[in-house]
Amino acid sequence: MNAPMLAQRNLVKRTDRRSFFESVGRGLYGTALAYLFSRDLFGGSGLLDQNAGNLAATARRVYDLSPKTPHIEPKAKAVIHLFMNGGPSQMDLLDPKEELDKNHGKSYFQKIAGEVESPSSAGALMRSPFKFKQHGRSGMWVSELMPHLAKHVDDIALIRSMYTTILTHEPAIYKIQSGRMLPGYGCLGSWAVYGLGTENQSLPAYVVLDDPISLPVNGVENWQSGFLPPVYQGIRFRSTGSPVLNLKPEVEEPGEIVKLERDLLARLDRIHLQKRSGNPALEARISTYELAARMQLAASDALDFSQEKPETLEMYGLNDKKTESYGRRCLIARRLVERGVRFVQLYINGQIWDNHGNIASDLRSACDRTDKPIAGLLQDLKQRGLLGDTLVVWGGEFGRLPIAQLPGDKDVSKAGRDHNKNAMVTWMAGAGIKPGVVYGSTDEIGLAAAEDKVTVQDWHATILHLLGLNHEQLFFDRHGLKEKLTSVFETQIIKGILA
């Protein structure tokens, strides 16, 4: 074999997609080649001509994040879900019970033995170690642990009568996220963006702001799309530094070159996809690459606090070590919905609300980290005129029992509370919500929802309703079944909290 032929064969061997872009994607030579390549492949006058739109039309995806028409006129354009993983104690925060004060120390286990996850550590009825006061024009009762939220009770609708069906964290969290007690089902945020898409195509439709300390229970499964196409799953943002790893290239190139490279890559992706239609994972991967390119400026801007006033940073608690982390994420959430992101979800590490012991100190710590930032978020949204079309939702996966849970040494001073599926507290504020109302009630000791009971599917359906989505009409065809977030359960909108 002569030398020219050998050199040509070696060149073919080592020329792959990566080396191709490395060798010809820079400078005027790369520009000229990309231009000619586009004409040869598509018969157009260049990468930026109208044929690009024609090609996109022929390769249109079934599932994407383009804006979609809601079923009804929406009240909310966006949702901020403050998930309190672990199960906040309702009778120590927002549902005070005089009967617990009166009957503190009385045995009650025999009456509720079947509702206790850890019978060996069950104690007597336990009053709340915290004081309650009424606040606002509504006179809503709030624990001393939430002094900042107490200033905003006239903006929220408090639901005291919600309940779930499972005692254990993992399945209960699956239930609150997706309506089912198993993994593999689409979560609330995924259903929302499946139904509505998003207005801002330069940011993800569904953003997750998890705690830098650690993931919550169930990890990334909290924001998975399940059987819904993967393009609808949540996208994690970091709260410091680059919002997404490897978002920016190591070497900056001229803008025109970058644009031409992206246009060419997009065309090649479409050709690849056309030959493999009906592959949602591939569609999602390509969509994510394209989004990453658009995000390079938009995502960094969303995390840039340089234009925020000092008083705004203080309002969110960014000047206090206890509140800085959660406050930063609350502020990012506001900046994201301000920029058109549809669904933002905030998590806290592990399950800090799971106070089986030392509730007097541990519940206080959980509130110290979150109360001021959440109040700051409500105040900031309101003064910017964003609360009118943003729905803010707070709550966990279940509540706590009215009896004490004792440590091995039976030291009452170290007592906590066990899981309770029969009663939990949650609140909503903002778009379409009647402010300053308390909906439903529990029995005299806070053990179970008693009046105007609210199921998890009712809660889901109400959030979808406020977004303009009918929970019965929002479905996904799967194996011949019309899968819904609310499944086949009897479901009703919580009309008592709607404005």
Protein backbone atom coordinates (compact mmCIF):
# COMPACT_ATOMS: atom_id res chain seq x y z
CA MET A 1 0.00 0.00 0.00
CA ASN A 2 1.50 3.36 -0.98
CA ALA A 3 2.06 6.15 1.53
CA PRO A 4 -0.91 8.39 0.52
CA MET A 5 -3.37 5.50 0.76
CA LEU A 6 -1.98 4.47 4.16
CA ALA A 7 -2.25 8.02 5.45
CA GLN A 8 -5.84 8.24 4.22
CA ARG A 9 -6.79 4.95 5.91
CA ASN A 10 -5.25 6.12 9.20
CA LEU A 11 -7.12 9.39 8.95
CA VAL A 12 -10.44 7.55 8.55
CA LYS A 13 -9.67 5.32 11.52
CA ARG A 14 -9.01 8.15 13.93
CA THR A 15 -11.75 10.50 12.69
CA ASP A 16 -14.82 10.20 14.92
CA ARG A 17 -17.48 12.70 15.96
CA ARG A 18 -15.41 14.18 18.79
CA SER A 19 -12.20 14.54 16.78
CA PHE A 20 -14.20 15.94 13.88
CA PHE A 21 -15.45 18.87 15.94
CA GLU A 22 -12.08 19.34 17.58
CA SER A 23 -10.33 19.57 14.22
CA VAL A 24 -12.79 21.56 12.10
CA GLY A 25 -15.10 23.28 14.56
CA ARG A 26 -12.85 26.30 15.08
CA GLY A 27 -11.91 29.20 12.89
CA LEU A 28 -12.94 30.15 9.40
CA TYR A 29 -12.20 26.72 7.95
CA GLY A 30 -14.72 25.16 10.34
CA THR A 31 -17.28 27.79 9.42
CA ALA A 32 -16.86 27.20 5.70
CA LEU A 33 -17.03 23.43 6.06
CA ALA A 34 -20.14 23.58 8.23
CA TYR A 35 -21.78 25.84 5.65
CA LEU A 36 -20.99 23.51 2.74
CA PHE A 37 -21.92 20.44 4.76
CA SER A 38 -25.37 21.85 5.47
CA ARG A 39 -25.97 22.61 1.77
CA ASP A 40 -24.91 19.14 0.69
CA LEU A 41 -27.06 17.38 3.29
CA PHE A 42 -30.19 19.46 3.12
CA GLY A 43 -30.09 21.38 -0.14
CA GLY A 44 -30.53 24.71 1.59
CA SER A 45 -28.67 27.96 1.31
CA GLY A 46 -26.98 27.57 4.69
CA LEU A 47 -27.38 26.50 8.29
CA LEU A 48 -29.52 29.47 9.16
CA ASP A 49 -32.00 29.28 6.33
CA GLN A 50 -35.69 28.42 6.47
CA ASN A 51 -35.06 24.75 5.74
CA ALA A 52 -33.99 24.38 9.37
CA GLY A 53 -37.58 25.01 10.33
CA ASN A 54 -38.84 22.54 7.72
CA LEU A 55 -36.56 19.82 9.03
CA ALA A 56 -37.64 20.46 12.59
CA ALA A 57 -41.26 20.15 11.50
CA THR A 58 -40.69 16.78 9.86
CA ALA A 59 -38.92 15.48 12.98
CA ARG A 60 -41.33 16.99 15.51
CA ARG A 61 -41.33 15.14 18.80
CA VAL A 62 -44.45 13.76 20.36
CA TYR A 63 -43.30 14.87 23.81
CA ASP A 64 -41.67 18.21 24.46
CA LEU A 65 -41.75 21.18 26.80
CA SER A 66 -43.39 23.68 24.49
CA PRO A 67 -46.24 25.67 26.10
CA LYS A 68 -49.56 23.83 26.04
CA THR A 69 -53.12 25.03 26.46
CA PRO A 70 -54.59 24.28 29.91
CA HIS A 71 -58.00 22.66 30.31
CA ILE A 72 -59.44 25.64 32.17
CA GLU A 73 -58.37 29.19 32.91
CA PRO A 74 -55.43 28.79 35.31
CA LYS A 75 -54.99 30.73 38.53
CA ALA A 76 -51.33 29.76 38.91
CA LYS A 77 -48.55 30.01 36.35
CA ALA A 78 -45.99 28.34 38.61
CA VAL A 79 -45.69 26.22 41.75
CA ILE A 80 -43.07 26.33 44.51
CA HIS A 81 -43.30 23.14 46.55
CA LEU A 82 -41.57 23.31 49.94
CA PHE A 83 -41.32 19.64 50.84
CA MET A 84 -40.74 19.06 54.55
CA ASN A 85 -39.44 15.50 54.34
CA GLY A 86 -39.74 13.58 57.60
CA GLY A 87 -43.26 14.40 58.77
CA PRO A 88 -43.73 17.70 60.68
CA SER A 89 -45.63 17.43 63.97
CA GLN A 90 -49.03 19.04 63.50
CA MET A 91 -49.87 19.44 67.22
CA ASP A 92 -46.54 21.16 67.87
CA LEU A 93 -46.69 23.58 64.95
CA LEU A 94 -50.14 24.53 63.63
CA ASP A 95 -52.82 22.43 65.35
CA PRO A 96 -52.74 22.97 69.14
CA LYS A 97 -54.76 20.59 71.35
CA GLU A 98 -56.06 21.55 74.80
CA GLU A 99 -56.90 17.91 75.53
CA LEU A 100 -53.23 17.01 75.34
CA ASP A 101 -52.50 19.65 77.97
CA LYS A 102 -55.29 18.37 80.19
CA ASN A 103 -54.45 14.67 79.81
CA HIS A 104 -50.68 14.85 79.62
CA GLY A 105 -49.15 11.65 81.02
CA LYS A 106 -52.30 9.53 80.74
CA SER A 107 -51.99 6.13 79.09
CA TYR A 108 -53.51 5.92 75.64
CA PHE A 109 -51.52 3.25 73.82
CA GLN A 110 -54.17 0.53 74.07
CA LYS A 111 -56.61 2.68 72.12
CA ILE A 112 -54.25 3.30 69.22
CA ALA A 113 -51.92 0.27 69.26
CA GLY A 114 -52.61 -0.49 65.61
CA GLU A 115 -51.55 3.01 64.57
CA VAL A 116 -48.11 2.92 66.21
CA GLU A 117 -45.09 2.01 64.13
CA SER A 118 -42.84 1.32 67.15
CA PRO A 119 -45.01 -0.11 69.97
CA SER A 120 -42.06 -0.94 72.23
CA SER A 121 -41.21 2.75 72.63
CA ALA A 122 -44.79 4.07 72.94
CA GLY A 123 -45.52 6.28 75.93
CA ALA A 124 -48.46 8.25 77.30
CA LEU A 125 -50.24 11.26 75.87
CA MET A 126 -47.79 14.15 75.56
CA ARG A 127 -48.60 17.83 75.52
CA SER A 128 -46.69 20.13 73.22
CA PRO A 129 -43.56 21.60 74.81
CA PHE A 130 -44.18 24.79 72.84
CA LYS A 131 -46.51 27.74 73.36
CA PHE A 132 -49.16 28.83 70.85
CA LYS A 133 -50.64 32.23 70.07
CA GLN A 134 -53.24 33.54 67.66
CA HIS A 135 -51.99 35.78 64.87
CA GLY A 136 -53.28 38.09 62.16
CA ARG A 137 -56.81 39.14 61.37
CA SER A 138 -57.67 35.48 60.90
CA GLY A 139 -56.64 34.60 64.46
CA MET A 140 -54.77 31.52 63.22
CA TRP A 141 -52.95 29.55 65.93
CA VAL A 142 -49.20 29.22 65.36
CA SER A 143 -46.47 27.72 67.54
CA GLU A 144 -43.70 29.85 68.97
CA LEU A 145 -41.37 27.87 66.69
CA MET A 146 -42.68 29.73 63.62
CA PRO A 147 -42.58 33.43 64.53
CA HIS A 148 -41.89 34.52 60.95
CA LEU A 149 -44.65 32.47 59.32
CA ALA A 150 -46.97 33.82 62.03
CA LYS A 151 -46.68 37.25 60.39
CA HIS A 152 -48.08 35.83 57.14
CA VAL A 153 -51.03 33.74 58.33
CA ASP A 154 -53.43 36.07 56.53
CA ASP A 155 -51.79 35.00 53.26
CA ILE A 156 -52.11 31.23 53.70
CA ALA A 157 -54.84 28.60 53.70
CA LEU A 158 -54.10 26.05 56.42
CA ILE A 159 -55.33 22.48 55.93
CA ARG A 160 -55.53 20.57 59.23
CA SER A 161 -57.46 17.54 58.01
CA MET A 162 -55.19 15.87 55.48
CA TYR A 163 -54.21 12.23 55.90
CA THR A 164 -52.41 9.46 54.06
CA THR A 165 -52.48 5.64 54.02
CA ILE A 166 -49.02 4.46 55.07
CA LEU A 167 -46.81 4.75 58.17
CA THR A 168 -43.36 4.29 56.66
CA HIS A 169 -41.32 7.11 55.14
CA GLU A 170 -40.34 5.61 51.79
CA PRO A 171 -43.79 4.55 50.54
CA ALA A 172 -45.42 7.60 52.16
CA ILE A 173 -43.03 9.87 50.26
CA TYR A 174 -43.74 8.02 47.01
CA LYS A 175 -47.43 8.56 47.77
CA ILE A 176 -47.16 12.30 48.36
CA GLN A 177 -44.97 12.74 45.29
CA SER A 178 -46.74 10.49 42.78
CA GLY A 179 -50.01 9.32 44.32
CA ARG A 180 -48.77 5.71 44.59
CA MET A 181 -46.77 3.90 47.27
CA LEU A 182 -44.26 2.44 44.81
CA PRO A 183 -41.49 3.86 42.62
CA GLY A 184 -41.89 4.08 38.87
CA TYR A 185 -44.79 6.54 38.75
CA GLY A 186 -44.61 10.15 37.58
CA CYS A 187 -44.28 12.75 40.33
CA LEU A 188 -46.43 15.84 40.71
CA GLY A 189 -43.90 18.18 39.08
CA SER A 190 -43.55 15.87 36.08
CA TRP A 191 -47.32 15.72 35.59
CA ALA A 192 -47.52 19.50 35.75
CA VAL A 193 -44.96 20.07 33.01
CA TYR A 194 -46.33 17.15 30.97
CA GLY A 195 -49.67 18.95 30.95
CA LEU A 196 -48.48 22.52 30.48
CA GLY A 197 -44.91 22.64 29.20
CA THR A 198 -43.11 25.88 30.01
CA GLU A 199 -42.87 29.43 28.73
CA ASN A 200 -39.09 29.80 29.16
CA GLN A 201 -37.26 27.43 26.81
CA SER A 202 -33.86 28.51 28.16
CA LEU A 203 -34.46 27.08 31.64
CA PRO A 204 -35.80 23.69 32.75
CA ALA A 205 -39.56 23.46 33.21
CA TYR A 206 -39.13 21.58 36.51
CA VAL A 207 -36.22 22.51 38.79
CA VAL A 208 -35.21 20.73 41.99
CA LEU A 209 -33.23 22.54 44.70
CA ASP A 210 -32.06 19.79 47.02
CA ASP A 211 -29.94 20.34 50.12
CA PRO A 212 -26.15 20.45 49.56
CA ILE A 213 -25.70 18.46 52.79
CA SER A 214 -27.40 15.33 51.47
CA LEU A 215 -30.29 14.01 49.40
CA PRO A 216 -33.70 13.44 51.01
CA VAL A 217 -35.13 9.98 51.68
CA ASN A 218 -35.77 8.19 48.34
CA GLY A 219 -33.07 10.35 46.77
CA VAL A 220 -33.52 11.36 43.15
CA GLU A 221 -36.64 9.18 42.84
CA ASN A 222 -38.53 12.09 44.41
CA TRP A 223 -38.45 13.97 41.11
CA GLN A 224 -38.46 11.16 38.54
CA SER A 225 -40.98 11.09 35.70
CA GLY A 226 -41.66 7.35 36.07
CA PHE A 227 -43.52 6.05 33.03
CA LEU A 228 -43.95 9.58 31.71
CA PRO A 229 -41.35 10.45 29.06
CA PRO A 230 -38.04 11.35 30.75
CA VAL A 231 -38.08 14.86 29.30
CA TYR A 232 -40.52 15.70 32.13
CA GLN A 233 -38.35 14.70 35.11
CA GLY A 234 -36.93 17.29 37.50
CA ILE A 235 -33.55 18.91 36.83
CA ARG A 236 -31.32 19.44 39.87
CA PHE A 237 -29.78 22.88 40.35
CA ARG A 238 -26.91 23.50 42.72
CA SER A 239 -27.46 26.53 44.94
CA THR A 240 -23.83 27.73 44.77
CA GLY A 241 -21.34 27.88 41.93
CA SER A 242 -22.43 26.68 38.53
CA PRO A 243 -26.09 25.59 38.76
CA VAL A 244 -25.33 22.51 36.65
CA LEU A 245 -21.95 20.78 36.41
CA ASN A 246 -20.05 21.16 33.14
CA LEU A 247 -22.53 23.77 31.94
CA LYS A 248 -19.85 25.94 30.32
CA PRO A 249 -17.06 24.77 28.00
CA GLU A 250 -13.47 24.82 29.17
CA VAL A 251 -12.45 26.92 26.15
CA GLU A 252 -14.59 29.84 25.02
CA GLU A 253 -15.07 30.13 21.25
CA PRO A 254 -16.41 32.97 19.09
CA GLY A 255 -20.17 33.23 19.26
CA GLU A 256 -20.75 32.67 15.53
CA ILE A 257 -18.66 29.51 15.56
CA VAL A 258 -20.55 28.19 18.59
CA LYS A 259 -23.87 28.86 16.91
CA LEU A 260 -22.86 27.13 13.70
CA GLU A 261 -21.56 24.11 15.62
CA ARG A 262 -24.82 23.85 17.54
CA ASP A 263 -26.93 24.19 14.42
CA LEU A 264 -24.98 21.45 12.69
CA LEU A 265 -25.11 19.20 15.75
CA ALA A 266 -28.87 19.76 16.01
CA ARG A 267 -29.33 18.67 12.39
CA LEU A 268 -27.25 15.55 12.92
CA ASP A 269 -29.26 14.77 16.04
CA ARG A 270 -32.50 15.09 14.08
CA ILE A 271 -31.22 12.70 11.41
CA HIS A 272 -30.22 10.24 14.13
CA LEU A 273 -33.61 10.59 15.82
CA GLN A 274 -35.61 10.19 12.61
CA LYS A 275 -34.08 6.73 12.17
CA ARG A 276 -35.02 5.82 15.75
CA SER A 277 -38.50 7.30 16.19
CA GLY A 278 -40.50 6.37 19.25
CA ASN A 279 -37.47 6.38 21.57
CA PRO A 280 -38.39 8.76 24.43
CA ALA A 281 -35.05 8.28 26.22
CA LEU A 282 -33.17 9.41 23.12
CA GLU A 283 -35.57 12.31 22.62
CA ALA A 284 -35.05 13.39 26.23
CA ARG A 285 -31.27 13.13 25.94
CA ILE A 286 -31.17 15.29 22.82
CA SER A 287 -33.61 17.74 24.38
CA THR A 288 -31.43 17.97 27.47
CA TYR A 289 -28.30 18.68 25.42
CA GLU A 290 -30.13 21.44 23.58
CA LEU A 291 -31.45 22.87 26.83
CA ALA A 292 -27.95 22.83 28.34
CA ALA A 293 -26.72 24.97 25.46
CA ARG A 294 -29.50 27.51 25.98
CA MET A 295 -29.02 27.46 29.75
CA GLN A 296 -25.44 28.71 29.73
CA LEU A 297 -26.53 32.30 30.24
CA ALA A 298 -30.03 31.88 31.68
CA ALA A 299 -29.10 29.49 34.51
CA SER A 300 -26.14 31.55 35.67
CA ASP A 301 -28.31 34.66 35.65
CA ALA A 302 -30.92 32.96 37.83
CA LEU A 303 -28.28 32.33 40.50
CA ASP A 304 -26.70 35.78 40.30
CA PHE A 305 -27.65 37.68 43.48
CA SER A 306 -25.51 40.73 42.69
CA GLN A 307 -28.55 42.82 41.77
CA GLU A 308 -30.52 41.84 44.88
CA LYS A 309 -30.80 44.52 47.56
CA PRO A 310 -29.12 43.88 50.95
CA GLU A 311 -32.50 44.03 52.67
CA THR A 312 -33.77 41.27 50.36
CA LEU A 313 -30.85 39.02 51.29
CA GLU A 314 -31.54 39.72 54.95
CA MET A 315 -35.24 38.98 54.48
CA TYR A 316 -34.36 35.46 53.28
CA GLY A 317 -31.85 34.94 56.11
CA LEU A 318 -28.75 34.84 53.94
CA ASN A 319 -26.78 36.66 56.64
CA ASP A 320 -27.34 33.94 59.24
CA LYS A 321 -25.54 30.60 59.18
CA LYS A 322 -28.68 28.72 60.29
CA THR A 323 -30.87 30.02 57.50
CA GLU A 324 -28.35 30.79 54.74
CA SER A 325 -28.62 27.50 52.84
CA TYR A 326 -32.40 27.19 52.80
CA GLY A 327 -32.78 30.94 52.33
CA ARG A 328 -30.52 30.87 49.29
CA ARG A 329 -32.67 28.17 47.71
CA CYS A 330 -35.88 30.07 48.50
CA LEU A 331 -34.45 33.14 46.78
CA ILE A 332 -33.39 31.04 43.77
CA ALA A 333 -36.94 29.67 43.63
CA ARG A 334 -38.33 33.19 43.40
CA ARG A 335 -35.85 34.11 40.67
CA LEU A 336 -36.75 30.97 38.72
CA VAL A 337 -40.53 31.47 38.74
CA GLU A 338 -39.90 35.11 37.93
CA ARG A 339 -38.17 33.85 34.78
CA GLY A 340 -40.96 31.51 33.76
CA VAL A 341 -39.99 28.16 35.33
CA ARG A 342 -43.16 26.12 35.84
CA PHE A 343 -42.42 23.97 38.91
CA VAL A 344 -39.74 24.42 41.59
CA GLN A 345 -39.26 21.96 44.43
CA LEU A 346 -37.16 22.53 47.57
CA TYR A 347 -35.87 19.76 49.82
CA ILE A 348 -34.10 19.62 53.14
CA ASN A 349 -31.41 17.06 53.87
CA GLY A 350 -32.37 13.58 55.09
CA GLN A 351 -35.55 13.95 57.10
CA ILE A 352 -35.00 16.62 59.74
CA TRP A 353 -38.71 16.66 60.62
CA ASP A 354 -38.64 13.01 61.70
CA ASN A 355 -38.49 13.78 65.42
CA HIS A 356 -38.74 10.38 67.13
CA GLY A 357 -36.72 11.75 70.04
CA ASN A 358 -35.64 15.09 71.52
CA ILE A 359 -38.54 16.86 69.84
CA ALA A 360 -38.11 19.88 72.12
CA SER A 361 -34.75 20.66 70.54
CA ASP A 362 -34.84 18.95 67.14
CA LEU A 363 -38.15 20.40 65.98
CA ARG A 364 -36.92 23.83 67.02
CA SER A 365 -33.79 23.30 64.94
CA ALA A 366 -35.83 22.34 61.86
CA CYS A 367 -37.92 25.51 62.19
CA ASP A 368 -34.86 27.66 62.86
CA ARG A 369 -33.46 26.59 59.50
CA THR A 370 -36.61 27.10 57.43
CA ASP A 371 -39.10 29.50 59.06
CA LYS A 372 -37.46 32.83 58.20
CA PRO A 373 -36.57 31.89 54.59
CA ILE A 374 -40.12 30.69 53.89
CA ALA A 375 -41.63 33.86 55.34
CA GLY A 376 -39.14 35.86 53.29
CA LEU A 377 -40.23 34.03 50.15
CA LEU A 378 -43.90 34.83 50.80
CA GLN A 379 -43.13 38.47 51.51
CA ASP A 380 -40.89 38.84 48.48
CA LEU A 381 -43.37 37.20 46.10
CA LYS A 382 -46.13 39.40 47.44
CA GLN A 383 -44.30 42.71 47.19
CA ARG A 384 -43.16 41.91 43.64
CA GLY A 385 -46.69 41.03 42.53
CA LEU A 386 -45.71 37.40 41.92
CA LEU A 387 -47.83 35.77 44.63
CA GLY A 388 -50.95 36.38 42.56
CA ASP A 389 -49.91 33.78 39.98
CA THR A 390 -47.49 31.62 41.98
CA LEU A 391 -48.77 28.80 44.19
CA VAL A 392 -46.63 28.07 47.27
CA VAL A 393 -47.21 24.68 48.93
CA TRP A 394 -45.77 23.51 52.29
CA GLY A 395 -46.01 20.07 53.93
CA GLY A 396 -44.50 16.62 54.51
CA GLU A 397 -45.50 13.00 53.90
CA PHE A 398 -47.44 12.41 57.16
CA GLY A 399 -47.88 13.76 60.68
CA ARG A 400 -47.03 12.65 64.24
CA LEU A 401 -48.85 10.84 67.05
CA PRO A 402 -50.23 12.57 70.17
CA ILE A 403 -48.42 10.11 72.44
CA ALA A 404 -44.76 10.24 73.42
CA GLN A 405 -42.11 8.06 71.85
CA LEU A 406 -39.55 7.22 74.51
CA PRO A 407 -35.87 6.31 74.22
CA GLY A 408 -34.51 3.05 75.59
CA ASP A 409 -33.93 4.55 79.04
CA LYS A 410 -37.55 5.87 79.10
CA ASP A 411 -36.32 9.39 79.82
CA VAL A 412 -39.36 11.60 79.17
CA SER A 413 -37.15 14.66 78.67
CA LYS A 414 -35.80 13.01 75.50
CA ALA A 415 -39.23 12.08 74.13
CA GLY A 416 -40.34 12.54 70.56
CA ARG A 417 -43.34 11.49 68.49
CA ASP A 418 -43.85 8.49 66.20
CA HIS A 419 -45.32 8.54 62.66
CA ASN A 420 -49.03 9.21 62.16
CA LYS A 421 -50.75 8.52 58.83
CA ASN A 422 -54.20 9.64 60.02
CA ALA A 423 -53.51 13.35 60.41
CA MET A 424 -51.08 15.82 58.90
CA VAL A 425 -50.96 19.54 58.34
CA THR A 426 -50.18 21.42 55.14
CA TRP A 427 -50.74 24.91 53.80
CA MET A 428 -51.00 26.70 50.46
CA ALA A 429 -50.60 30.36 49.57
CA GLY A 430 -50.84 32.54 46.50
CA ALA A 431 -52.58 31.98 43.18
CA GLY A 432 -56.28 31.11 43.57
CA ILE A 433 -56.03 30.47 47.32
CA LYS A 434 -58.40 32.00 49.84
CA PRO A 435 -56.08 33.69 52.34
CA GLY A 436 -56.35 33.49 56.11
CA VAL A 437 -58.55 30.38 56.31
CA VAL A 438 -58.31 27.15 58.29
CA TYR A 439 -59.82 24.17 56.51
CA GLY A 440 -60.88 20.99 58.28
CA SER A 441 -60.02 19.74 61.74
CA THR A 442 -58.68 16.77 63.66
CA ASP A 443 -60.15 15.03 66.70
CA GLU A 444 -59.63 16.38 70.22
CA ILE A 445 -56.09 14.99 70.57
CA GLY A 446 -54.91 15.41 66.96
CA LEU A 447 -54.79 11.71 66.20
CA ALA A 448 -56.98 11.68 63.09
CA ALA A 449 -58.63 13.96 60.56
CA ALA A 450 -62.24 14.44 61.62
CA GLU A 451 -63.95 17.16 59.59
CA ASP A 452 -63.60 17.92 55.87
CA LYS A 453 -61.04 15.18 55.36
CA VAL A 454 -58.47 15.68 52.60
CA THR A 455 -56.76 12.80 50.81
CA VAL A 456 -53.43 12.96 49.01
CA GLN A 457 -55.24 12.71 45.68
CA ASP A 458 -57.52 15.62 46.68
CA TRP A 459 -54.37 17.63 47.38
CA HIS A 460 -52.88 16.67 44.00
CA ALA A 461 -56.10 17.44 42.12
CA THR A 462 -56.36 20.87 43.75
CA ILE A 463 -52.82 21.84 42.75
CA LEU A 464 -53.47 20.69 39.18
CA HIS A 465 -56.78 22.58 39.17
CA LEU A 466 -55.05 25.82 40.15
CA LEU A 467 -52.63 25.28 37.26
CA GLY A 468 -55.60 24.95 34.91
CA LEU A 469 -55.45 21.16 34.61
CA ASN A 470 -58.37 18.80 35.11
CA HIS A 471 -57.07 15.72 36.94
CA GLU A 472 -59.53 13.51 35.04
CA GLN A 473 -58.46 14.81 31.63
CA LEU A 474 -54.73 14.75 32.35
CA PHE A 475 -53.70 11.19 31.52
CA PHE A 476 -50.99 9.17 29.81
CA ASP A 477 -51.72 6.13 27.65
CA ARG A 478 -49.77 3.19 29.06
CA HIS A 479 -50.36 -0.44 28.09
CA GLY A 480 -53.91 0.40 27.08
CA LEU A 481 -54.65 2.23 30.34
CA LYS A 482 -55.21 5.93 30.84
CA GLU A 483 -52.84 6.53 33.76
CA LYS A 484 -53.56 9.59 35.92
CA LEU A 485 -51.81 11.23 38.85
CA THR A 486 -54.96 10.65 40.92
CA SER A 487 -55.37 7.09 39.54
CA VAL A 488 -58.86 5.64 39.98
CA PHE A 489 -59.35 6.98 43.50
CA GLU A 490 -62.39 9.03 44.35
CA THR A 491 -61.11 12.57 44.23
CA GLN A 492 -62.43 16.04 44.87
CA ILE A 493 -61.07 19.58 44.63
CA ILE A 494 -60.60 21.24 48.03
CA LYS A 495 -63.04 24.04 47.26
CA GLY A 496 -63.00 25.44 50.78
CA ILE A 497 -59.52 26.89 50.28
CA LEU A 498 -60.15 28.39 46.84
CA ALA A 499 -60.70 32.10 46.37
